Amino acid sequence: MRVWPFSRPVPKVAVLRLSGVIAASGRPVSGGLSIASLDQSIRRAFSMRGVKAIALSINSPGGSPVQSALISRRIRALASEKSLPIFAFLEDVAASGGYWLACAADEIFADSNSIVGSIGVISSGFGFQEAIHRMGVERRVYSEGKHKAMLDPFKAEDPDGIAMLKGIQKEIYEGFIEYVQQRRGKRLNGDAEILFNGDVWTGKRALELGLVDGLGDLYSITRQRFGEDVRIKFVEAPKNWFRRRMGVGQNNFFDGHFPAEFVDKLWCQVEAQALWSRYGL
């Protein structure tokens, strides 16, 4: 194909797919999002030659607030460094930490039926103190520090431990609200009691509340902004050659884990499914 020396360069948009539960890299959540798993892809997107904008394709029910903040902070830092606009496109759900990620964008777009919001903090667990007694198991724990064994699932709930947890949740919650207010600013259109009570809304309602900037999808919006000939480039993290050749990590639930790790992985999958199921997915 002949390339004319003075032809207009085709605009290019790099797309980062942020799909899955947000969790620290050490947790065996299949497809989990963390700064460790995404950092290389983020850097590749911003370093792509001729890129005019970065698009975040988001489909996440949330997860770790720390990882949500780290990923968002990394995206914002590179956006400032490279002077590139960031667009977020919400798919089925962008809730809790998923919406935190969306706020890293300069503009947010959703489908009219996307589930958006859940600006709040939640912690969950189980109590096994009765079950362990019925099984005839005696558990022995030795610790130093008044709260070292706080909220042990094999003991009855401790009011002091609950108070500590609630205090931590309150700090994280206030930080979440502050971040949303900082990023969305005057575009927010609703009382704080409505916007920040943990509710979720459809994309259409989220637009009315100022949580998103418009309704639309990745392809239609990028064509409107950059022209019909815009090139959309999805950025994937490079896979390790050996793992790719051996098929490790591809639809393999065990993925080389030993029995104890398998149990941990199974539990994490249950937790992940519980997050998705809150939004009917």
C-alpha atoms as a PDB file:
ATOM      1  CA  MET A   1       0.000   0.000   0.000  1.00  0.00           C
ATOM      2  CA  ARG A   2       1.376   3.408  -0.971  1.00  0.00           C
ATOM      3  CA  VAL A   3       1.696   5.883   1.910  1.00  0.00           C
ATOM      4  CA  TRP A   4       1.637   9.527   0.891  1.00  0.00           C
ATOM      5  CA  PRO A   5       4.195  11.612   2.813  1.00  0.00           C
ATOM      6  CA  PHE A   6       1.722  14.406   3.592  1.00  0.00           C
ATOM      7  CA  SER A   7      -1.375  12.322   4.308  1.00  0.00           C
ATOM      8  CA  ARG A   8      -3.291  13.156   7.467  1.00  0.00           C
ATOM      9  CA  PRO A   9      -2.446  10.745  10.313  1.00  0.00           C
ATOM     10  CA  VAL A  10      -5.328   8.543  11.391  1.00  0.00           C
ATOM     11  CA  PRO A  11      -6.399   9.340  14.981  1.00  0.00           C
ATOM     12  CA  LYS A  12      -5.901   6.491  17.422  1.00  0.00           C
ATOM     13  CA  VAL A  13      -7.646   5.707  20.724  1.00  0.00           C
ATOM     14  CA  ALA A  14      -6.081   3.183  23.109  1.00  0.00           C
ATOM     15  CA  VAL A  15      -8.576   1.095  25.070  1.00  0.00           C
ATOM     16  CA  LEU A  16      -7.930  -0.421  28.489  1.00  0.00           C
ATOM     17  CA  ARG A  17     -10.403  -3.115  29.497  1.00  0.00           C
ATOM     18  CA  LEU A  18     -11.103  -2.942  33.237  1.00  0.00           C
ATOM     19  CA  SER A  19     -13.349  -5.951  33.684  1.00  0.00           C
ATOM     20  CA  GLY A  20     -13.678  -8.004  36.842  1.00  0.00           C
ATOM     21  CA  VAL A  21     -13.538  -7.787  40.605  1.00  0.00           C
ATOM     22  CA  ILE A  22     -10.932  -5.375  41.973  1.00  0.00           C
ATOM     23  CA  ALA A  23      -8.584  -7.275  44.283  1.00  0.00           C
ATOM     24  CA  ALA A  24      -4.962  -7.294  45.414  1.00  0.00           C
ATOM     25  CA  SER A  25      -2.685  -9.276  43.094  1.00  0.00           C
ATOM     26  CA  GLY A  26      -1.972 -11.888  45.761  1.00  0.00           C
ATOM     27  CA  ARG A  27      -5.618 -12.942  45.940  1.00  0.00           C
ATOM     28  CA  PRO A  28      -6.550 -15.768  43.549  1.00  0.00           C
ATOM     29  CA  VAL A  29      -9.548 -14.060  41.953  1.00  0.00           C
ATOM     30  CA  SER A  30      -9.947 -15.083  38.327  1.00  0.00           C
ATOM     31  CA  GLY A  31      -9.549 -12.015  36.132  1.00  0.00           C
ATOM     32  CA  GLY A  32      -9.121  -9.739  39.143  1.00  0.00           C
ATOM     33  CA  LEU A  33      -8.031  -6.138  38.633  1.00  0.00           C
ATOM     34  CA  SER A  34      -5.045  -4.776  40.557  1.00  0.00           C
ATOM     35  CA  ILE A  35      -2.331  -2.207  39.996  1.00  0.00           C
ATOM     36  CA  ALA A  36       0.171  -5.065  39.628  1.00  0.00           C
ATOM     37  CA  SER A  37      -1.841  -6.781  36.890  1.00  0.00           C
ATOM     38  CA  LEU A  38      -2.691  -3.556  35.042  1.00  0.00           C
ATOM     39  CA  ASP A  39       0.359  -1.322  35.383  1.00  0.00           C
ATOM     40  CA  GLN A  40       2.131  -2.633  32.288  1.00  0.00           C
ATOM     41  CA  SER A  41      -1.016  -2.319  30.159  1.00  0.00           C
ATOM     42  CA  ILE A  42      -1.633   1.204  31.435  1.00  0.00           C
ATOM     43  CA  ARG A  43       1.903   2.270  30.550  1.00  0.00           C
ATOM     44  CA  ARG A  44       1.650   0.659  27.109  1.00  0.00           C
ATOM     45  CA  ALA A  45      -1.602   2.503  26.382  1.00  0.00           C
ATOM     46  CA  PHE A  46      -0.152   5.902  27.241  1.00  0.00           C
ATOM     47  CA  SER A  47       3.046   5.160  25.304  1.00  0.00           C
ATOM     48  CA  MET A  48       1.263   4.119  22.115  1.00  0.00           C
ATOM     49  CA  ARG A  49       2.490   6.123  19.150  1.00  0.00           C
ATOM     50  CA  GLY A  50      -0.002   8.631  17.780  1.00  0.00           C
ATOM     51  CA  VAL A  51      -2.622   8.012  20.478  1.00  0.00           C
ATOM     52  CA  LYS A  52      -5.118  10.872  20.870  1.00  0.00           C
ATOM     53  CA  ALA A  53      -7.062   9.611  23.885  1.00  0.00           C
ATOM     54  CA  ILE A  54      -7.361   6.751  26.354  1.00  0.00           C
ATOM     55  CA  ALA A  55     -10.655   4.897  26.744  1.00  0.00           C
ATOM     56  CA  LEU A  56     -11.485   2.854  29.832  1.00  0.00           C
ATOM     57  CA  SER A  57     -13.946   0.059  29.103  1.00  0.00           C
ATOM     58  CA  ILE A  58     -15.316  -0.721  32.570  1.00  0.00           C
ATOM     59  CA  ASN A  59     -17.348  -3.681  33.768  1.00  0.00           C
ATOM     60  CA  SER A  60     -16.754  -4.141  37.493  1.00  0.00           C
ATOM     61  CA  PRO A  61     -18.873  -4.621  40.633  1.00  0.00           C
ATOM     62  CA  GLY A  62     -16.071  -3.169  42.761  1.00  0.00           C
ATOM     63  CA  GLY A  63     -13.744  -4.670  45.331  1.00  0.00           C
ATOM     64  CA  SER A  64     -10.640  -3.359  47.051  1.00  0.00           C
ATOM     65  CA  PRO A  65     -10.725   0.404  47.718  1.00  0.00           C
ATOM     66  CA  VAL A  66      -6.924   0.490  47.868  1.00  0.00           C
ATOM     67  CA  GLN A  67      -6.505  -1.113  44.435  1.00  0.00           C
ATOM     68  CA  SER A  68      -9.261   1.124  43.040  1.00  0.00           C
ATOM     69  CA  ALA A  69      -7.370   4.183  44.270  1.00  0.00           C
ATOM     70  CA  LEU A  70      -3.973   2.958  43.047  1.00  0.00           C
ATOM     71  CA  ILE A  71      -5.243   2.165  39.546  1.00  0.00           C
ATOM     72  CA  SER A  72      -7.102   5.477  39.277  1.00  0.00           C
ATOM     73  CA  ARG A  73      -4.117   7.429  40.576  1.00  0.00           C
ATOM     74  CA  ARG A  74      -1.813   5.789  38.028  1.00  0.00           C
ATOM     75  CA  ILE A  75      -4.166   6.641  35.175  1.00  0.00           C
ATOM     76  CA  ARG A  76      -4.529  10.253  36.311  1.00  0.00           C
ATOM     77  CA  ALA A  77      -0.770  10.707  36.725  1.00  0.00           C
ATOM     78  CA  LEU A  78      -0.059   9.518  33.181  1.00  0.00           C
ATOM     79  CA  ALA A  79      -2.965  11.522  31.785  1.00  0.00           C
ATOM     80  CA  SER A  80      -1.422  14.671  33.252  1.00  0.00           C
ATOM     81  CA  GLU A  81       2.072  13.723  32.123  1.00  0.00           C
ATOM     82  CA  LYS A  82       1.009  12.959  28.536  1.00  0.00           C
ATOM     83  CA  SER A  83      -1.765  15.597  28.326  1.00  0.00           C
ATOM     84  CA  LEU A  84      -4.244  13.011  27.048  1.00  0.00           C
ATOM     85  CA  PRO A  85      -8.018  13.028  27.607  1.00  0.00           C
ATOM     86  CA  ILE A  86      -9.537  10.003  29.353  1.00  0.00           C
ATOM     87  CA  PHE A  87     -12.979   8.620  28.517  1.00  0.00           C
ATOM     88  CA  ALA A  88     -14.774   5.902  30.496  1.00  0.00           C
ATOM     89  CA  PHE A  89     -17.368   3.621  28.918  1.00  0.00           C
ATOM     90  CA  LEU A  90     -19.501   1.674  31.392  1.00  0.00           C
ATOM     91  CA  GLU A  91     -20.830  -1.724  30.387  1.00  0.00           C
ATOM     92  CA  ASP A  92     -23.093  -3.910  32.567  1.00  0.00           C
ATOM     93  CA  VAL A  93     -21.977  -2.485  35.888  1.00  0.00           C
ATOM     94  CA  ALA A  94     -19.661   0.169  37.314  1.00  0.00           C
ATOM     95  CA  ALA A  95     -20.457  -0.015  40.994  1.00  0.00           C
ATOM     96  CA  SER A  96     -18.500   0.858  44.120  1.00  0.00           C
ATOM     97  CA  GLY A  97     -14.817   0.462  43.158  1.00  0.00           C
ATOM     98  CA  GLY A  98     -15.917   0.116  39.534  1.00  0.00           C
ATOM     99  CA  TYR A  99     -17.330   3.639  39.694  1.00  0.00           C
ATOM    100  CA  TRP A 100     -14.158   4.768  41.481  1.00  0.00           C
ATOM    101  CA  LEU A 101     -12.242   3.641  38.377  1.00  0.00           C
ATOM    102  CA  ALA A 102     -14.697   5.478  36.125  1.00  0.00           C
ATOM    103  CA  CYS A 103     -14.012   8.727  37.975  1.00  0.00           C
ATOM    104  CA  ALA A 104     -10.425   8.597  36.730  1.00  0.00           C
ATOM    105  CA  ALA A 105     -11.873   9.676  33.373  1.00  0.00           C
ATOM    106  CA  ASP A 106     -12.531  13.231  32.244  1.00  0.00           C
ATOM    107  CA  GLU A 107     -15.860  12.112  30.797  1.00  0.00           C
ATOM    108  CA  ILE A 108     -17.995   9.077  31.621  1.00  0.00           C
ATOM    109  CA  PHE A 109     -20.457   7.409  29.243  1.00  0.00           C
ATOM    110  CA  ALA A 110     -22.867   4.584  30.032  1.00  0.00           C
ATOM    111  CA  ASP A 111     -25.515   2.471  28.376  1.00  0.00           C
ATOM    112  CA  SER A 112     -29.009   3.476  29.438  1.00  0.00           C
ATOM    113  CA  ASN A 113     -29.282   0.108  31.215  1.00  0.00           C
ATOM    114  CA  SER A 114     -25.844   0.075  32.870  1.00  0.00           C
ATOM    115  CA  ILE A 115     -25.858  -0.281  36.661  1.00  0.00           C
ATOM    116  CA  VAL A 116     -23.989   2.690  38.133  1.00  0.00           C
ATOM    117  CA  GLY A 117     -23.159   3.936  41.623  1.00  0.00           C
ATOM    118  CA  SER A 118     -23.023   2.059  44.926  1.00  0.00           C
ATOM    119  CA  ILE A 119     -20.884   4.810  46.440  1.00  0.00           C
ATOM    120  CA  GLY A 120     -20.286   3.317  49.852  1.00  0.00           C
ATOM    121  CA  VAL A 121     -18.239   0.767  51.771  1.00  0.00           C
ATOM    122  CA  ILE A 122     -19.165  -2.782  52.737  1.00  0.00           C
ATOM    123  CA  SER A 123     -17.460  -5.563  54.664  1.00  0.00           C
ATOM    124  CA  SER A 124     -18.865  -9.056  55.004  1.00  0.00           C
ATOM    125  CA  GLY A 125     -17.958 -12.357  56.558  1.00  0.00           C
ATOM    126  CA  PHE A 126     -19.307 -15.384  58.410  1.00  0.00           C
ATOM    127  CA  GLY A 127     -19.374 -16.547  61.999  1.00  0.00           C
ATOM    128  CA  PHE A 128     -18.379 -20.175  62.634  1.00  0.00           C
ATOM    129  CA  GLN A 129     -18.273 -20.250  66.432  1.00  0.00           C
ATOM    130  CA  GLU A 130     -21.258 -22.632  66.727  1.00  0.00           C
ATOM    131  CA  ALA A 131     -20.142 -24.865  63.854  1.00  0.00           C
ATOM    132  CA  ILE A 132     -16.682 -25.437  65.298  1.00  0.00           C
ATOM    133  CA  HIS A 133     -18.134 -26.526  68.646  1.00  0.00           C
ATOM    134  CA  ARG A 134     -20.528 -28.965  66.983  1.00  0.00           C
ATOM    135  CA  MET A 135     -17.641 -30.563  65.133  1.00  0.00           C
ATOM    136  CA  GLY A 136     -15.812 -31.105  68.393  1.00  0.00           C
ATOM    137  CA  VAL A 137     -12.899 -28.932  67.320  1.00  0.00           C
ATOM    138  CA  GLU A 138     -10.977 -26.850  69.816  1.00  0.00           C
ATOM    139  CA  ARG A 139      -9.305 -23.821  68.274  1.00  0.00           C
ATOM    140  CA  ARG A 140      -6.237 -22.369  69.978  1.00  0.00           C
ATOM    141  CA  VAL A 141      -5.135 -18.808  69.302  1.00  0.00           C
ATOM    142  CA  TYR A 142      -2.315 -16.971  71.048  1.00  0.00           C
ATOM    143  CA  SER A 143      -1.806 -13.272  70.440  1.00  0.00           C
ATOM    144  CA  GLU A 144      -0.319 -10.094  71.851  1.00  0.00           C
ATOM    145  CA  GLY A 145      -2.168  -6.829  71.459  1.00  0.00           C
ATOM    146  CA  LYS A 146      -5.720  -6.164  72.572  1.00  0.00           C
ATOM    147  CA  HIS A 147      -7.208  -6.180  69.082  1.00  0.00           C
ATOM    148  CA  LYS A 148      -4.841  -8.584  67.309  1.00  0.00           C
ATOM    149  CA  ALA A 149      -7.571 -11.233  67.016  1.00  0.00           C
ATOM    150  CA  MET A 150     -10.254  -8.699  66.154  1.00  0.00           C
ATOM    151  CA  LEU A 151     -13.388 -10.114  64.486  1.00  0.00           C
ATOM    152  CA  ASP A 152     -12.172 -13.702  64.580  1.00  0.00           C
ATOM    153  CA  PRO A 153     -14.870 -15.667  62.679  1.00  0.00           C
ATOM    154  CA  PHE A 154     -14.565 -18.535  65.174  1.00  0.00           C
ATOM    155  CA  LYS A 155     -15.500 -16.316  68.121  1.00  0.00           C
ATOM    156  CA  ALA A 156     -18.617 -14.364  69.022  1.00  0.00           C
ATOM    157  CA  GLU A 157     -18.655 -10.800  67.712  1.00  0.00           C
ATOM    158  CA  ASP A 158     -16.784  -8.303  69.860  1.00  0.00           C
ATOM    159  CA  PRO A 159     -18.403  -4.826  70.165  1.00  0.00           C
ATOM    160  CA  ASP A 160     -14.969  -3.183  70.331  1.00  0.00           C
ATOM    161  CA  GLY A 161     -13.902  -4.955  67.158  1.00  0.00           C
ATOM    162  CA  ILE A 162     -17.089  -3.906  65.374  1.00  0.00           C
ATOM    163  CA  ALA A 163     -16.549  -0.295  66.456  1.00  0.00           C
ATOM    164  CA  MET A 164     -13.002  -0.360  65.078  1.00  0.00           C
ATOM    165  CA  LEU A 165     -14.183  -1.792  61.765  1.00  0.00           C
ATOM    166  CA  LYS A 166     -16.951   0.793  61.482  1.00  0.00           C
ATOM    167  CA  GLY A 167     -14.413   3.546  62.122  1.00  0.00           C
ATOM    168  CA  ILE A 168     -12.195   2.261  59.316  1.00  0.00           C
ATOM    169  CA  GLN A 169     -15.197   1.986  57.001  1.00  0.00           C
ATOM    170  CA  LYS A 170     -16.200   5.569  57.779  1.00  0.00           C
ATOM    171  CA  GLU A 171     -12.749   6.894  56.834  1.00  0.00           C
ATOM    172  CA  ILE A 172     -12.739   4.966  53.544  1.00  0.00           C
ATOM    173  CA  TYR A 173     -16.306   6.067  52.803  1.00  0.00           C
ATOM    174  CA  GLU A 174     -15.466   9.733  53.383  1.00  0.00           C
ATOM    175  CA  GLY A 175     -12.419   9.405  51.129  1.00  0.00           C
ATOM    176  CA  PHE A 176     -14.578   7.839  48.397  1.00  0.00           C
ATOM    177  CA  ILE A 177     -17.082  10.703  48.587  1.00  0.00           C
ATOM    178  CA  GLU A 178     -14.304  13.290  48.506  1.00  0.00           C
ATOM    179  CA  TYR A 179     -12.789  11.677  45.405  1.00  0.00           C
ATOM    180  CA  VAL A 180     -16.121  11.581  43.541  1.00  0.00           C
ATOM    181  CA  GLN A 181     -16.832  15.208  44.437  1.00  0.00           C
ATOM    182  CA  GLN A 182     -13.348  16.242  43.343  1.00  0.00           C
ATOM    183  CA  ARG A 183     -13.570  14.460  39.998  1.00  0.00           C
ATOM    184  CA  ARG A 184     -17.217  15.214  39.148  1.00  0.00           C
ATOM    185  CA  GLY A 185     -17.435  18.679  40.688  1.00  0.00           C
ATOM    186  CA  LYS A 186     -20.411  20.796  39.642  1.00  0.00           C
ATOM    187  CA  ARG A 187     -21.641  18.091  37.283  1.00  0.00           C
ATOM    188  CA  LEU A 188     -23.140  16.269  40.277  1.00  0.00           C
ATOM    189  CA  ASN A 189     -26.860  16.967  40.405  1.00  0.00           C
ATOM    190  CA  GLY A 190     -28.383  15.700  43.626  1.00  0.00           C
ATOM    191  CA  ASP A 191     -28.240  15.847  47.400  1.00  0.00           C
ATOM    192  CA  ALA A 192     -25.360  14.044  49.084  1.00  0.00           C
ATOM    193  CA  GLU A 193     -27.912  11.918  50.975  1.00  0.00           C
ATOM    194  CA  ILE A 194     -29.084  10.557  47.626  1.00  0.00           C
ATOM    195  CA  LEU A 195     -25.797  10.341  45.739  1.00  0.00           C
ATOM    196  CA  PHE A 196     -23.715   8.777  48.496  1.00  0.00           C
ATOM    197  CA  ASN A 197     -26.078   6.374  50.278  1.00  0.00           C
ATOM    198  CA  GLY A 198     -24.906   3.243  48.457  1.00  0.00           C
ATOM    199  CA  ASP A 199     -27.763   3.140  45.939  1.00  0.00           C
ATOM    200  CA  VAL A 200     -27.312   2.073  42.332  1.00  0.00           C
ATOM    201  CA  TRP A 201     -29.075   3.497  39.297  1.00  0.00           C
ATOM    202  CA  THR A 202     -29.492   2.800  35.617  1.00  0.00           C
ATOM    203  CA  GLY A 203     -27.270   4.729  33.245  1.00  0.00           C
ATOM    204  CA  LYS A 204     -30.232   6.919  32.326  1.00  0.00           C
ATOM    205  CA  ARG A 205     -30.836   7.925  35.950  1.00  0.00           C
ATOM    206  CA  ALA A 206     -27.089   8.285  36.581  1.00  0.00           C
ATOM    207  CA  LEU A 207     -27.016  10.851  33.765  1.00  0.00           C
ATOM    208  CA  GLU A 208     -29.749  12.870  35.479  1.00  0.00           C
ATOM    209  CA  LEU A 209     -27.767  12.761  38.736  1.00  0.00           C
ATOM    210  CA  GLY A 210     -24.565  13.867  37.041  1.00  0.00           C
ATOM    211  CA  LEU A 211     -22.711  10.641  37.760  1.00  0.00           C
ATOM    212  CA  VAL A 212     -22.133  10.169  34.026  1.00  0.00           C
ATOM    213  CA  ASP A 213     -21.817  12.679  31.181  1.00  0.00           C
ATOM    214  CA  GLY A 214     -23.752  10.940  28.457  1.00  0.00           C
ATOM    215  CA  LEU A 215     -25.283   7.768  27.067  1.00  0.00           C
ATOM    216  CA  GLY A 216     -23.361   5.963  24.379  1.00  0.00           C
ATOM    217  CA  ASP A 217     -20.842   3.269  23.597  1.00  0.00           C
ATOM    218  CA  LEU A 218     -17.134   3.200  22.870  1.00  0.00           C
ATOM    219  CA  TYR A 219     -17.415   3.051  19.083  1.00  0.00           C
ATOM    220  CA  SER A 220     -20.102   5.686  18.569  1.00  0.00           C
ATOM    221  CA  ILE A 221     -18.589   8.239  20.952  1.00  0.00           C
ATOM    222  CA  THR A 222     -15.027   7.888  19.658  1.00  0.00           C
ATOM    223  CA  ARG A 223     -16.257   8.316  16.081  1.00  0.00           C
ATOM    224  CA  GLN A 224     -18.175  11.438  17.082  1.00  0.00           C
ATOM    225  CA  ARG A 225     -15.098  12.897  18.777  1.00  0.00           C
ATOM    226  CA  PHE A 226     -12.312  11.793  16.439  1.00  0.00           C
ATOM    227  CA  GLY A 227     -13.976  11.062  13.103  1.00  0.00           C
ATOM    228  CA  GLU A 228     -15.172   8.003  11.229  1.00  0.00           C
ATOM    229  CA  ASP A 229     -11.636   6.807  10.485  1.00  0.00           C
ATOM    230  CA  VAL A 230     -10.551   6.641  14.133  1.00  0.00           C
ATOM    231  CA  ARG A 231      -8.567   3.507  14.986  1.00  0.00           C
ATOM    232  CA  ILE A 232      -9.509   1.774  18.229  1.00  0.00           C
ATOM    233  CA  LYS A 233      -6.629  -0.219  19.696  1.00  0.00           C
ATOM    234  CA  PHE A 234      -7.273  -2.574  22.606  1.00  0.00           C
ATOM    235  CA  VAL A 235      -4.271  -2.874  24.894  1.00  0.00           C
ATOM    236  CA  GLU A 236      -3.564  -6.260  26.451  1.00  0.00           C
ATOM    237  CA  ALA A 237      -0.836  -7.140  28.919  1.00  0.00           C
ATOM    238  CA  PRO A 238       1.812  -9.331  27.267  1.00  0.00           C
ATOM    239  CA  LYS A 239       1.634 -12.926  28.449  1.00  0.00           C
ATOM    240  CA  ASN A 240       4.581 -14.876  29.730  1.00  0.00           C
ATOM    241  CA  TRP A 241       5.848 -17.063  26.855  1.00  0.00           C
ATOM    242  CA  PHE A 242       6.016 -20.262  28.919  1.00  0.00           C
ATOM    243  CA  ARG A 243       2.547 -19.785  30.438  1.00  0.00           C
ATOM    244  CA  ARG A 244       1.102 -19.027  27.002  1.00  0.00           C
ATOM    245  CA  ARG A 245       2.657 -22.145  25.457  1.00  0.00           C
ATOM    246  CA  MET A 246       1.591 -24.409  28.303  1.00  0.00           C
ATOM    247  CA  GLY A 247      -1.882 -22.916  28.581  1.00  0.00           C
ATOM    248  CA  VAL A 248      -1.433 -22.095  32.249  1.00  0.00           C
ATOM    249  CA  GLY A 249      -4.065 -19.693  33.497  1.00  0.00           C
ATOM    250  CA  GLN A 250      -6.346 -20.212  30.490  1.00  0.00           C
ATOM    251  CA  ASN A 251      -9.684 -21.584  31.685  1.00  0.00           C
ATOM    252  CA  ASN A 252      -7.816 -23.686  34.236  1.00  0.00           C
ATOM    253  CA  PHE A 253      -9.416 -23.361  37.644  1.00  0.00           C
ATOM    254  CA  PHE A 254      -6.651 -25.196  39.480  1.00  0.00           C
ATOM    255  CA  ASP A 255      -3.894 -23.269  37.642  1.00  0.00           C
ATOM    256  CA  GLY A 256      -1.175 -25.239  39.397  1.00  0.00           C
ATOM    257  CA  HIS A 257      -2.413 -24.481  42.908  1.00  0.00           C
ATOM    258  CA  PHE A 258      -1.927 -26.921  45.753  1.00  0.00           C
ATOM    259  CA  PRO A 259      -4.969 -28.078  47.805  1.00  0.00           C
ATOM    260  CA  ALA A 260      -4.772 -25.296  50.429  1.00  0.00           C
ATOM    261  CA  GLU A 261      -4.408 -22.705  47.691  1.00  0.00           C
ATOM    262  CA  PHE A 262      -7.281 -24.326  45.840  1.00  0.00           C
ATOM    263  CA  VAL A 263      -9.558 -23.794  48.841  1.00  0.00           C
ATOM    264  CA  ASP A 264      -8.498 -20.149  49.029  1.00  0.00           C
ATOM    265  CA  LYS A 265      -9.096 -19.730  45.324  1.00  0.00           C
ATOM    266  CA  LEU A 266     -12.514 -21.363  45.593  1.00  0.00           C
ATOM    267  CA  TRP A 267     -13.464 -19.025  48.439  1.00  0.00           C
ATOM    268  CA  CYS A 268     -12.327 -15.989  46.469  1.00  0.00           C
ATOM    269  CA  GLN A 269     -14.438 -17.124  43.517  1.00  0.00           C
ATOM    270  CA  VAL A 270     -17.460 -17.367  45.821  1.00  0.00           C
ATOM    271  CA  GLU A 271     -16.795 -13.838  47.080  1.00  0.00           C
ATOM    272  CA  ALA A 272     -16.384 -12.562  43.530  1.00  0.00           C
ATOM    273  CA  GLN A 273     -19.635 -14.181  42.413  1.00  0.00           C
ATOM    274  CA  ALA A 274     -21.391 -12.668  45.424  1.00  0.00           C
ATOM    275  CA  LEU A 275     -20.267  -9.212  44.294  1.00  0.00           C
ATOM    276  CA  TRP A 276     -21.535  -9.750  40.740  1.00  0.00           C
ATOM    277  CA  SER A 277     -24.816 -11.299  41.916  1.00  0.00           C
ATOM    278  CA  ARG A 278     -25.710  -8.155  43.872  1.00  0.00           C
ATOM    279  CA  TYR A 279     -26.373  -6.567  40.478  1.00  0.00           C
ATOM    280  CA  GLY A 280     -28.163  -9.534  38.920  1.00  0.00           C
ATOM    281  CA  LEU A 281     -25.086 -10.721  36.974  1.00  0.00           C
END
